[in-house]
Amino acid sequence: MDKKTISIYEVQLRSFIESLRPTEEETRKLLDFGYIWDGQTAFLFEIRPKWNNPTEIQQHHFAKIRYMRMITDSSIYSLSHIDSGLKCKI
């Protein structure tokens, strides 16, 4: 039997994204939120239809969270300012 281990960080991340998501299904079709987690880095993104082609659904990343186990440090990067090196410590 193959069991998948889920980290506490992924549970917290999933809970946070669920708190952002709209409750109504119709609203979720217009704006929703999701994440990608690889065990160390998470990308948060919004899901919405393209403004000039509503049948095309797009994902726009808006934050990157990286956890470094060696130094027990987490960093949040705003993707709109990633080139300028803007970094928030948590």
C-alpha atoms as a PDB file:
ATOM      1  CA  MET A   1       0.000   0.000   0.000  1.00  0.00           C
ATOM      2  CA  ASP A   2       1.476   3.341  -1.071  1.00  0.00           C
ATOM      3  CA  LYS A   3       0.784   6.165   1.385  1.00  0.00           C
ATOM      4  CA  LYS A   4       1.371   9.798   0.509  1.00  0.00           C
ATOM      5  CA  THR A   5       2.789  12.008   3.249  1.00  0.00           C
ATOM      6  CA  ILE A   6       1.300  15.495   3.425  1.00  0.00           C
ATOM      7  CA  SER A   7       3.354  18.120   5.226  1.00  0.00           C
ATOM      8  CA  ILE A   8       1.865  20.536   7.752  1.00  0.00           C
ATOM      9  CA  TYR A   9       2.951  23.344   5.426  1.00  0.00           C
ATOM     10  CA  GLU A  10       0.823  21.982   2.604  1.00  0.00           C
ATOM     11  CA  VAL A  11      -2.158  21.651   4.963  1.00  0.00           C
ATOM     12  CA  GLN A  12      -1.744  25.279   6.048  1.00  0.00           C
ATOM     13  CA  LEU A  13      -1.315  26.404   2.451  1.00  0.00           C
ATOM     14  CA  ARG A  14      -4.447  24.542   1.334  1.00  0.00           C
ATOM     15  CA  SER A  15      -6.408  26.065   4.226  1.00  0.00           C
ATOM     16  CA  PHE A  16      -5.203  29.572   3.316  1.00  0.00           C
ATOM     17  CA  ILE A  17      -6.158  29.168  -0.356  1.00  0.00           C
ATOM     18  CA  GLU A  18      -9.581  27.810   0.629  1.00  0.00           C
ATOM     19  CA  SER A  19     -10.122  30.952   2.746  1.00  0.00           C
ATOM     20  CA  LEU A  20      -9.448  33.112  -0.347  1.00  0.00           C
ATOM     21  CA  ARG A  21     -11.742  31.213  -2.709  1.00  0.00           C
ATOM     22  CA  PRO A  22     -15.228  32.616  -3.367  1.00  0.00           C
ATOM     23  CA  THR A  23     -18.038  30.501  -1.910  1.00  0.00           C
ATOM     24  CA  GLU A  24     -20.389  30.792  -4.890  1.00  0.00           C
ATOM     25  CA  GLU A  25     -19.712  28.545  -7.894  1.00  0.00           C
ATOM     26  CA  GLU A  26     -20.664  31.283 -10.382  1.00  0.00           C
ATOM     27  CA  THR A  27     -18.114  33.652  -8.848  1.00  0.00           C
ATOM     28  CA  ARG A  28     -15.430  30.937  -8.982  1.00  0.00           C
ATOM     29  CA  LYS A  29     -15.918  30.779 -12.745  1.00  0.00           C
ATOM     30  CA  LEU A  30     -14.884  34.459 -12.903  1.00  0.00           C
ATOM     31  CA  LEU A  31     -12.157  34.438 -10.216  1.00  0.00           C
ATOM     32  CA  ASP A  32     -10.625  31.588  -8.252  1.00  0.00           C
ATOM     33  CA  PHE A  33      -7.328  30.881  -6.492  1.00  0.00           C
ATOM     34  CA  GLY A  34      -4.940  27.937  -6.516  1.00  0.00           C
ATOM     35  CA  TYR A  35      -1.413  26.915  -5.616  1.00  0.00           C
ATOM     36  CA  ILE A  36       1.463  24.684  -6.657  1.00  0.00           C
ATOM     37  CA  TRP A  37       3.553  23.080  -3.885  1.00  0.00           C
ATOM     38  CA  ASP A  38       6.709  21.050  -4.481  1.00  0.00           C
ATOM     39  CA  GLY A  39       7.635  20.425  -0.840  1.00  0.00           C
ATOM     40  CA  GLN A  40       9.808  23.509  -0.488  1.00  0.00           C
ATOM     41  CA  THR A  41       8.368  26.232  -2.734  1.00  0.00           C
ATOM     42  CA  ALA A  42       4.773  27.309  -3.270  1.00  0.00           C
ATOM     43  CA  PHE A  43       3.401  29.494  -6.056  1.00  0.00           C
ATOM     44  CA  LEU A  44       0.032  31.143  -5.401  1.00  0.00           C
ATOM     45  CA  PHE A  45      -2.027  32.066  -8.441  1.00  0.00           C
ATOM     46  CA  GLU A  46      -5.379  33.434  -9.483  1.00  0.00           C
ATOM     47  CA  ILE A  47      -7.521  31.613 -12.041  1.00  0.00           C
ATOM     48  CA  ARG A  48      -9.688  33.722 -14.307  1.00  0.00           C
ATOM     49  CA  PRO A  49     -10.912  33.956 -17.893  1.00  0.00           C
ATOM     50  CA  LYS A  50      -8.907  36.041 -20.323  1.00  0.00           C
ATOM     51  CA  TRP A  51     -10.464  39.493 -20.577  1.00  0.00           C
ATOM     52  CA  ASN A  52     -10.853  39.484 -24.367  1.00  0.00           C
ATOM     53  CA  ASN A  53     -11.559  35.730 -24.748  1.00  0.00           C
ATOM     54  CA  PRO A  54     -13.640  34.444 -21.810  1.00  0.00           C
ATOM     55  CA  THR A  55     -13.411  30.837 -23.029  1.00  0.00           C
ATOM     56  CA  GLU A  56      -9.632  30.858 -22.403  1.00  0.00           C
ATOM     57  CA  ILE A  57      -8.795  30.320 -18.715  1.00  0.00           C
ATOM     58  CA  GLN A  58      -5.517  31.785 -17.419  1.00  0.00           C
ATOM     59  CA  GLN A  59      -3.439  31.346 -14.278  1.00  0.00           C
ATOM     60  CA  HIS A  60      -1.579  34.422 -13.016  1.00  0.00           C
ATOM     61  CA  HIS A  61       1.031  33.787 -10.313  1.00  0.00           C
ATOM     62  CA  PHE A  62       1.042  36.502  -7.679  1.00  0.00           C
ATOM     63  CA  ALA A  63       3.292  35.166  -4.898  1.00  0.00           C
ATOM     64  CA  LYS A  64       6.120  32.745  -4.285  1.00  0.00           C
ATOM     65  CA  ILE A  65       6.749  31.256  -0.841  1.00  0.00           C
ATOM     66  CA  ARG A  66       9.951  29.345  -0.157  1.00  0.00           C
ATOM     67  CA  TYR A  67      10.686  27.394   3.014  1.00  0.00           C
ATOM     68  CA  MET A  68      14.313  26.569   3.757  1.00  0.00           C
ATOM     69  CA  ARG A  69      14.525  23.798   6.328  1.00  0.00           C
ATOM     70  CA  MET A  70      18.245  24.290   7.072  1.00  0.00           C
ATOM     71  CA  ILE A  71      17.768  27.751   8.525  1.00  0.00           C
ATOM     72  CA  THR A  72      14.082  27.410   9.515  1.00  0.00           C
ATOM     73  CA  ASP A  73      13.299  30.515   7.535  1.00  0.00           C
ATOM     74  CA  SER A  74      10.410  31.311   5.219  1.00  0.00           C
ATOM     75  CA  SER A  75      10.361  34.035   2.603  1.00  0.00           C
ATOM     76  CA  ILE A  76       7.499  35.468   0.566  1.00  0.00           C
ATOM     77  CA  TYR A  77       8.288  37.085  -2.770  1.00  0.00           C
ATOM     78  CA  SER A  78       5.914  39.357  -4.600  1.00  0.00           C
ATOM     79  CA  LEU A  79       6.175  38.225  -8.219  1.00  0.00           C
ATOM     80  CA  SER A  80       5.447  41.704  -9.524  1.00  0.00           C
ATOM     81  CA  HIS A  81       8.638  42.900  -7.826  1.00  0.00           C
ATOM     82  CA  ILE A  82      10.816  39.796  -8.120  1.00  0.00           C
ATOM     83  CA  ASP A  83      13.313  41.561 -10.403  1.00  0.00           C
ATOM     84  CA  SER A  84      13.815  44.358  -7.908  1.00  0.00           C
ATOM     85  CA  GLY A  85      14.465  41.852  -5.123  1.00  0.00           C
ATOM     86  CA  LEU A  86      11.524  42.809  -2.896  1.00  0.00           C
ATOM     87  CA  LYS A  87      11.362  40.184  -0.157  1.00  0.00           C
ATOM     88  CA  CYS A  88       9.169  39.931   2.937  1.00  0.00           C
ATOM     89  CA  LYS A  89      10.253  37.856   5.933  1.00  0.00           C
ATOM     90  CA  ILE A  90       7.676  35.876   7.880  1.00  0.00           C
END
